[in-house]
């Protein structure tokens, strides 16, 4: 016998400030095992939990769990939508994924889930045990949300809410409360459409529902080290994340906007000045981005991406700002600067890179600089 009906849970979810909640049992997800093993064979990104059994069995994370409550919180506000679609013509401005426009969702959504747990405790009339997860459990959040009946997974491997499209954050609450589970999942609405696959700049969506996450620009902009050359031109002016497959999807047209103030955008975060990023200190970076979900990789990742974006802009006025990075202590910044200067071209850029090549000791960075030394007697 359930302690909490699905209808009551939804009422409590609304009271907690969540846009959608649903529930499923804490039983395992055995059907996911083959998919997860195939994904591991293609190559993990390094962000996932490695143990497949932990990812398919909720009770390995919380042994006393009887139910999982899945929650969604929309983040695309009306202002955010207008801003994201505008794309300024200024070639020295970068592009940032919509999810990082506002406050860090990890904190906001976790607070709402703790609030929901308090309301559930009140409703069932006893102390409850629970764990909150916002990208913090081994479970696959979108699969939990799918089984909990609050949406479906598209061909681009992104979760969709019927009201808010794919612009939602997901969280989960494992609890010892027995909540009425969803009777059946919502069927995907993709049909024969493949616009997301066709739009992917790097071909990361290799088949409907199958992704090579290491090729996804959302991952690439967050990876460590030197970005492989094949991804640099497709990055365009992206300095954090990628929303291309989401904007291409017809299901994201006419969706209901988020009303959460925490996710209202600031224009300087949506389209940051690439030259300014190169000049930021750690303190400035923390002041500008520390409250967002885009800060966790730190300043140097943003500067590396800004160098690549400036190379793609091919604006000679950026050269003077790029040159100091040829001598930076971080190898990925030296390599990115050399590539950007090659893209922009010109005698000043060639001479500077050739001089840096003479002093460079890292073989991979030297390879990035070799273009300037060729034919100059220094190669």
Protein backbone atom coordinates (compact mmCIF):
# COMPACT_ATOMS: atom_id res chain seq x y z
CA UNK A 1 0.00 0.00 0.00
CA UNK A 2 1.40 3.42 -0.97
CA UNK A 3 1.93 6.12 1.62
CA UNK A 4 1.69 9.00 -0.85
CA UNK A 5 -0.46 9.26 -3.95
CA UNK A 6 0.93 10.60 -7.21
CA UNK A 7 -1.65 13.38 -7.16
CA UNK A 8 -0.53 14.49 -3.70
CA UNK A 9 3.12 14.30 -4.75
CA UNK A 10 2.42 16.61 -7.67
CA UNK A 11 0.73 19.11 -5.37
CA UNK A 12 3.72 19.01 -3.05
CA UNK A 13 6.08 19.41 -6.01
CA UNK A 14 4.31 22.57 -7.09
CA UNK A 15 4.45 23.88 -3.52
CA UNK A 16 8.19 23.20 -3.49
CA UNK A 17 8.69 25.27 -6.66
CA UNK A 18 9.23 22.41 -9.11
CA UNK A 19 7.72 22.35 -12.60
CA UNK A 20 7.13 18.60 -12.78
CA UNK A 21 7.43 15.65 -10.43
CA UNK A 22 6.73 11.98 -10.85
CA UNK A 23 7.62 8.76 -9.12
CA UNK A 24 8.83 5.28 -9.81
CA UNK A 25 9.89 2.35 -7.66
CA UNK A 26 13.46 1.94 -6.45
CA UNK A 27 13.68 -1.31 -8.41
CA UNK A 28 16.67 -1.78 -10.73
CA UNK A 29 16.83 -0.75 -14.40
CA UNK A 30 18.19 -4.02 -15.90
CA UNK A 31 17.21 -3.01 -19.43
CA UNK A 32 19.83 -0.25 -19.28
CA UNK A 33 22.82 -2.55 -18.73
CA UNK A 34 23.47 -3.43 -22.41
CA UNK A 35 23.17 0.23 -23.43
CA UNK A 36 25.57 1.38 -20.71
CA UNK A 37 28.11 -1.31 -21.61
CA UNK A 38 27.93 -0.34 -25.28
CA UNK A 39 28.42 3.30 -24.30
CA UNK A 40 31.49 2.38 -22.24
CA UNK A 41 32.94 0.49 -25.20
CA UNK A 42 32.58 3.60 -27.39
CA UNK A 43 34.47 5.53 -24.71
CA UNK A 44 33.33 7.39 -21.63
CA UNK A 45 33.74 11.12 -21.18
CA UNK A 46 35.03 10.63 -17.65
CA UNK A 47 32.04 12.31 -16.01
CA UNK A 48 30.03 9.12 -15.55
CA UNK A 49 30.14 6.59 -12.74
CA UNK A 50 32.12 3.63 -14.07
CA UNK A 51 30.31 0.76 -12.35
CA UNK A 52 27.32 -0.36 -14.44
CA UNK A 53 25.67 -2.18 -11.52
CA UNK A 54 25.71 1.03 -9.47
CA UNK A 55 24.09 2.90 -12.35
CA UNK A 56 21.18 0.48 -12.76
CA UNK A 57 20.38 -0.35 -9.12
CA UNK A 58 19.18 2.59 -6.98
CA UNK A 59 19.44 0.58 -3.77
CA UNK A 60 23.21 0.32 -4.15
CA UNK A 61 23.19 4.09 -3.54
CA UNK A 62 20.45 4.04 -0.88
CA UNK A 63 19.68 0.53 0.43
CA UNK A 64 16.47 1.52 2.24
CA UNK A 65 14.98 3.32 -0.79
CA UNK A 66 11.47 2.29 -1.79
CA UNK A 67 10.71 5.05 -4.31
CA UNK A 68 12.47 7.56 -6.53
CA UNK A 69 10.88 10.94 -7.07
CA UNK A 70 12.03 12.56 -10.31
CA UNK A 71 11.78 16.34 -10.66
CA UNK A 72 12.16 18.81 -13.50
CA UNK A 73 12.81 22.53 -13.34
CA UNK A 74 12.55 24.65 -16.48
CA UNK A 75 15.34 27.14 -17.18
CA UNK A 76 14.58 28.82 -20.52
CA UNK A 77 12.91 32.10 -19.54
CA UNK A 78 11.25 34.44 -22.04
CA UNK A 79 14.19 36.83 -21.73
CA UNK A 80 16.62 33.94 -22.14
CA UNK A 81 14.87 32.76 -25.28
CA UNK A 82 14.94 36.21 -26.88
CA UNK A 83 18.58 36.67 -25.96
CA UNK A 84 19.73 33.24 -27.15
CA UNK A 85 18.13 33.65 -30.57
CA UNK A 86 19.61 37.08 -31.16
CA UNK A 87 23.30 36.16 -31.70
CA UNK A 88 25.09 39.53 -31.97
CA UNK A 89 27.04 40.20 -35.13
CA UNK A 90 30.03 41.43 -33.14
CA UNK A 91 32.68 38.85 -34.05
CA UNK A 92 34.51 39.27 -30.77
CA UNK A 93 31.64 37.97 -28.64
CA UNK A 94 31.41 34.34 -27.65
CA UNK A 95 28.37 32.10 -27.32
CA UNK A 96 27.37 30.31 -24.12
CA UNK A 97 24.82 27.55 -23.57
CA UNK A 98 21.45 28.71 -22.24
CA UNK A 99 21.64 26.55 -19.10
CA UNK A 100 24.47 28.70 -17.71
CA UNK A 101 22.72 32.06 -18.18
CA UNK A 102 21.44 32.15 -14.61
CA UNK A 103 22.29 30.76 -11.18
CA UNK A 104 23.90 27.35 -10.71
CA UNK A 105 21.09 24.84 -11.04
CA UNK A 106 22.80 22.31 -8.78
CA UNK A 107 22.22 24.52 -5.77
CA UNK A 108 18.76 25.80 -6.79
CA UNK A 109 17.30 22.40 -7.68
CA UNK A 110 18.82 20.67 -4.65
CA UNK A 111 17.21 23.29 -2.39
CA UNK A 112 13.82 22.64 -4.00
CA UNK A 113 14.21 18.88 -3.57
CA UNK A 114 15.06 19.26 0.12
CA UNK A 115 11.96 21.46 0.43
CA UNK A 116 9.91 18.73 -1.25
CA UNK A 117 11.28 16.14 1.18
CA UNK A 118 10.18 18.30 4.12
CA UNK A 119 6.68 18.56 2.63
CA UNK A 120 6.55 14.81 2.04
CA UNK A 121 7.52 14.19 5.65
CA UNK A 122 4.70 16.42 6.78
CA UNK A 123 2.25 14.66 4.45
CA UNK A 124 3.06 11.11 5.59
CA UNK A 125 3.26 12.10 9.26
CA UNK A 126 6.57 10.45 10.11
CA UNK A 127 10.31 11.15 9.81
CA UNK A 128 11.49 10.02 6.40
CA UNK A 129 14.85 9.00 5.06
CA UNK A 130 15.96 10.36 1.72
CA UNK A 131 18.87 11.34 -0.50
CA UNK A 132 18.87 14.18 -3.02
CA UNK A 133 20.70 13.87 -6.33
CA UNK A 134 21.40 16.62 -8.86
CA UNK A 135 24.16 15.16 -11.03
CA UNK A 136 25.49 13.54 -7.86
CA UNK A 137 24.27 9.93 -7.95
CA UNK A 138 25.42 7.02 -10.13
CA UNK A 139 21.91 6.83 -11.64
CA UNK A 140 21.08 8.04 -15.15
CA UNK A 141 18.78 10.94 -14.31
CA UNK A 142 16.96 11.09 -17.63
CA UNK A 143 16.13 7.36 -17.48
CA UNK A 144 14.78 7.79 -13.95
CA UNK A 145 12.67 10.76 -15.09
CA UNK A 146 11.41 8.79 -18.09
CA UNK A 147 10.29 5.88 -15.94
CA UNK A 148 8.74 8.31 -13.46
CA UNK A 149 6.46 9.53 -16.26
CA UNK A 150 7.48 13.20 -16.52
CA UNK A 151 8.80 13.15 -20.08
CA UNK A 152 10.69 11.25 -22.73
CA UNK A 153 14.18 11.03 -24.25
CA UNK A 154 14.66 12.40 -27.74
CA UNK A 155 16.82 11.11 -30.58
CA UNK A 156 19.46 13.61 -29.43
CA UNK A 157 19.66 11.74 -26.08
CA UNK A 158 18.24 14.79 -24.29
CA UNK A 159 15.27 14.63 -21.93
CA UNK A 160 12.04 16.42 -22.92
CA UNK A 161 9.24 17.72 -20.74
CA UNK A 162 5.82 17.97 -22.45
CA UNK A 163 5.43 21.61 -21.32
CA UNK A 164 8.99 22.94 -21.32
CA UNK A 165 10.72 20.94 -24.04
CA UNK A 166 14.32 19.95 -23.45
CA UNK A 167 15.25 23.09 -21.53
CA UNK A 168 14.83 21.49 -18.10
CA UNK A 169 17.13 20.51 -15.27
CA UNK A 170 16.58 17.10 -13.71
CA UNK A 171 16.98 15.93 -10.14
CA UNK A 172 15.97 12.93 -8.09
CA UNK A 173 14.96 12.20 -4.52
CA UNK A 174 15.41 8.64 -3.28
CA UNK A 175 13.27 7.95 -0.24
CA UNK A 176 11.96 5.26 2.07
CA UNK A 177 8.43 6.57 1.43
CA UNK A 178 6.37 4.34 -0.83
CA UNK A 179 5.02 6.75 -3.45
CA UNK A 180 2.46 5.73 -6.05
CA UNK A 181 4.52 5.11 -9.21
CA UNK A 182 3.68 6.37 -12.69
CA UNK A 183 1.60 3.84 -14.56
CA UNK A 184 3.46 4.17 -17.86
CA UNK A 185 6.09 6.43 -19.43
CA UNK A 186 5.28 9.16 -21.94
CA UNK A 187 5.92 8.05 -25.50
CA UNK A 188 8.61 9.97 -27.44
CA UNK A 189 7.26 12.45 -29.99
CA UNK A 190 10.20 12.37 -32.41
CA UNK A 191 8.49 10.30 -35.09
CA UNK A 192 10.57 10.22 -38.26
CA UNK A 193 12.25 13.58 -37.58
CA UNK A 194 16.07 13.61 -37.58
CA UNK A 195 16.72 17.36 -37.47
CA UNK A 196 18.82 17.11 -34.31
CA UNK A 197 21.09 14.50 -35.88
CA UNK A 198 21.39 16.53 -39.07
CA UNK A 199 22.24 19.72 -37.18
CA UNK A 200 25.00 18.37 -34.91
CA UNK A 201 28.21 20.23 -35.88
CA UNK A 202 30.52 17.27 -35.18
CA UNK A 203 28.38 14.24 -35.99
CA UNK A 204 28.28 13.27 -32.31
CA UNK A 205 24.74 11.93 -32.74
CA UNK A 206 25.71 8.80 -34.62
CA UNK A 207 22.19 7.29 -34.67
CA UNK A 208 18.80 8.04 -33.13
CA UNK A 209 19.31 7.80 -29.36
CA UNK A 210 23.02 7.02 -29.72
CA UNK A 211 25.69 9.59 -28.96
CA UNK A 212 29.47 9.62 -29.02
CA UNK A 213 29.64 12.05 -26.11
CA UNK A 214 33.34 12.70 -26.65
CA UNK A 215 32.46 14.42 -29.92
CA UNK A 216 29.67 16.56 -28.45
CA UNK A 217 30.73 20.20 -28.29
CA UNK A 218 29.12 20.51 -24.89
CA UNK A 219 31.74 18.04 -23.66
CA UNK A 220 34.53 19.37 -25.87
CA UNK A 221 34.26 22.89 -24.44
CA UNK A 222 34.58 21.42 -20.93
CA UNK A 223 37.34 18.87 -21.56
CA UNK A 224 40.80 19.24 -20.12
CA UNK A 225 43.94 19.99 -22.09
CA UNK A 226 44.44 20.75 -25.77
CA UNK A 227 41.25 20.48 -27.82
CA UNK A 228 41.70 18.13 -30.82
CA UNK A 229 42.02 20.11 -34.04
CA UNK A 230 39.01 18.49 -35.71
CA UNK A 231 36.69 20.19 -33.20
CA UNK A 232 38.14 23.71 -33.27
CA UNK A 233 36.46 25.09 -36.40
CA UNK A 234 33.09 23.46 -35.54
CA UNK A 235 33.28 25.19 -32.15
CA UNK A 236 32.78 28.53 -33.88
CA UNK A 237 32.37 31.13 -31.14
CA UNK A 238 31.25 28.67 -28.47
CA UNK A 239 33.08 29.20 -25.20
CA UNK A 240 30.86 26.99 -23.05
CA UNK A 241 28.43 24.28 -24.12
CA UNK A 242 26.30 23.77 -27.21
CA UNK A 243 22.53 23.97 -27.76
CA UNK A 244 22.45 23.29 -31.52
CA UNK A 245 20.48 20.03 -31.41
CA UNK A 246 17.95 21.59 -29.05
CA UNK A 247 17.32 24.66 -31.21
CA UNK A 248 16.93 22.39 -34.26
CA UNK A 249 14.17 20.36 -32.59
CA UNK A 250 10.55 21.16 -33.53
CA UNK A 251 9.42 20.01 -30.07
CA UNK A 252 11.15 23.07 -28.59
CA UNK A 253 8.89 25.47 -30.47
CA UNK A 254 6.02 27.03 -28.59
CA UNK A 255 7.09 25.61 -25.25
CA UNK A 256 6.14 27.20 -21.96
CA UNK A 257 8.81 29.58 -20.64
CA UNK A 258 10.44 29.19 -17.25
CA UNK A 259 9.21 31.61 -14.62
CA UNK A 260 12.10 31.08 -12.21
CA UNK A 261 13.86 34.34 -11.42
CA UNK A 262 17.09 32.49 -10.65
CA UNK A 263 17.48 31.62 -14.34
CA UNK A 264 16.91 35.07 -15.78
CA UNK A 265 19.84 35.90 -18.07
CA UNK A 266 22.44 38.64 -18.10
CA UNK A 267 23.54 39.64 -21.62
CA UNK A 268 27.22 39.74 -20.70
CA UNK A 269 26.98 36.07 -19.69
CA UNK A 270 25.12 34.98 -22.81
CA UNK A 271 27.56 36.61 -25.23
CA UNK A 272 30.77 37.36 -23.32
CA UNK A 273 33.45 39.61 -24.81
CA UNK A 274 36.21 37.24 -25.94
CA UNK A 275 38.96 39.84 -25.53
CA UNK A 276 37.78 40.56 -22.00
CA UNK A 277 37.95 36.87 -21.13
CA UNK A 278 41.63 36.81 -22.09
CA UNK A 279 42.28 39.62 -19.62
CA UNK A 280 40.30 38.23 -16.70
CA UNK A 281 41.99 37.42 -13.40
CA UNK A 282 40.78 34.51 -11.25
CA UNK A 283 39.03 37.03 -9.03
CA UNK A 284 37.22 38.62 -11.99
CA UNK A 285 36.24 35.19 -13.29
CA UNK A 286 34.78 34.25 -9.92
CA UNK A 287 32.89 37.53 -9.70
CA UNK A 288 31.44 37.21 -13.20
CA UNK A 289 30.73 33.49 -13.38
CA UNK A 290 31.13 32.01 -9.92
CA UNK A 291 27.37 31.88 -9.32
CA UNK A 292 26.71 29.92 -12.54
CA UNK A 293 27.06 26.27 -13.56
CA UNK A 294 29.71 27.30 -16.11
CA UNK A 295 32.47 28.08 -13.63
CA UNK A 296 33.49 24.66 -12.41
CA UNK A 297 36.31 24.14 -14.93
CA UNK A 298 37.89 27.45 -14.05
CA UNK A 299 39.29 30.47 -15.87
CA UNK A 300 41.90 28.71 -18.00
CA UNK A 301 39.31 26.53 -19.75
CA UNK A 302 37.35 29.65 -20.67
CA UNK A 303 40.50 31.38 -21.93
CA UNK A 304 41.46 28.37 -24.04
CA UNK A 305 38.00 28.35 -25.62
CA UNK A 306 38.08 32.13 -26.13
CA UNK A 307 41.39 31.80 -28.01
CA UNK A 308 39.84 29.22 -30.35
CA UNK A 309 36.76 31.39 -30.82
CA UNK A 310 38.92 34.39 -31.71
CA UNK A 311 40.77 32.25 -34.22
CA UNK A 312 37.44 31.38 -35.81
CA UNK A 313 36.47 35.09 -35.87
CA UNK A 314 39.70 35.80 -37.83
CA UNK A 315 39.83 39.41 -36.68
CA UNK A 316 43.36 40.84 -36.91
CA UNK A 317 42.57 43.29 -34.11
CA UNK A 318 42.63 40.30 -31.73
CA UNK A 319 46.26 39.42 -32.51
CA UNK A 320 47.80 41.75 -29.93
CA UNK A 321 45.61 40.20 -27.22
CA UNK A 322 46.47 36.63 -28.25
CA UNK A 323 50.26 37.05 -28.45
CA UNK A 324 50.97 36.94 -24.67
CA UNK A 325 49.44 33.47 -24.47
CA UNK A 326 52.25 32.03 -26.61
CA UNK A 327 54.38 32.18 -23.44
CA UNK A 328 51.70 31.15 -20.95
CA UNK A 329 52.55 28.49 -18.36
CA UNK A 330 49.60 26.35 -19.45
CA UNK A 331 50.36 24.26 -22.52
CA UNK A 332 46.76 24.22 -23.77
CA UNK A 333 46.75 28.02 -23.86
CA UNK A 334 50.03 28.18 -25.78
CA UNK A 335 48.75 25.62 -28.28
CA UNK A 336 45.38 27.36 -28.69
CA UNK A 337 47.05 30.74 -29.16
CA UNK A 338 49.30 29.33 -31.89
CA UNK A 339 46.33 27.82 -33.70
CA UNK A 340 44.28 31.02 -33.40
CA UNK A 341 47.13 33.09 -34.84
CA UNK A 342 47.46 30.65 -37.73
CA UNK A 343 43.75 31.08 -38.48
CA UNK A 344 43.99 34.86 -38.34
CA UNK A 345 47.25 35.01 -40.30
CA UNK A 346 49.57 37.90 -41.05
CA UNK A 347 53.29 38.60 -40.72
CA UNK A 348 53.10 39.72 -37.10
CA UNK A 349 51.39 36.50 -36.07
CA UNK A 350 53.86 34.33 -37.99
CA UNK A 351 56.93 36.04 -36.54
CA UNK A 352 55.62 35.78 -32.98
CA UNK A 353 54.74 32.09 -33.29
CA UNK A 354 58.09 31.32 -34.97
CA UNK A 355 59.90 32.96 -32.05
CA UNK A 356 57.80 31.01 -29.55
CA UNK A 357 58.52 27.81 -31.46
CA UNK A 358 62.24 28.29 -30.84
CA UNK A 359 61.70 28.34 -27.09
CA UNK A 360 58.93 25.75 -26.82
CA UNK A 361 59.86 22.40 -25.23
CA UNK A 362 56.52 20.58 -25.26
CA UNK A 363 56.36 18.37 -28.41
CA UNK A 364 52.59 18.73 -28.88
CA UNK A 365 52.70 22.50 -28.52
CA UNK A 366 55.70 22.69 -30.88
CA UNK A 367 53.63 20.80 -33.45
CA UNK A 368 50.93 23.49 -33.15
CA UNK A 369 53.56 26.18 -33.76
CA UNK A 370 55.48 24.49 -36.57
CA UNK A 371 53.45 26.22 -39.30
CA UNK A 372 55.17 29.52 -38.50
CA UNK A 373 58.67 28.08 -38.59
CA UNK A 374 58.24 26.27 -41.92
CA UNK A 375 60.10 28.05 -44.68
CA UNK A 376 61.71 30.46 -42.24
CA UNK A 377 64.80 28.38 -41.60
CA UNK A 378 63.65 27.48 -38.08
CA UNK A 379 61.69 24.30 -38.73
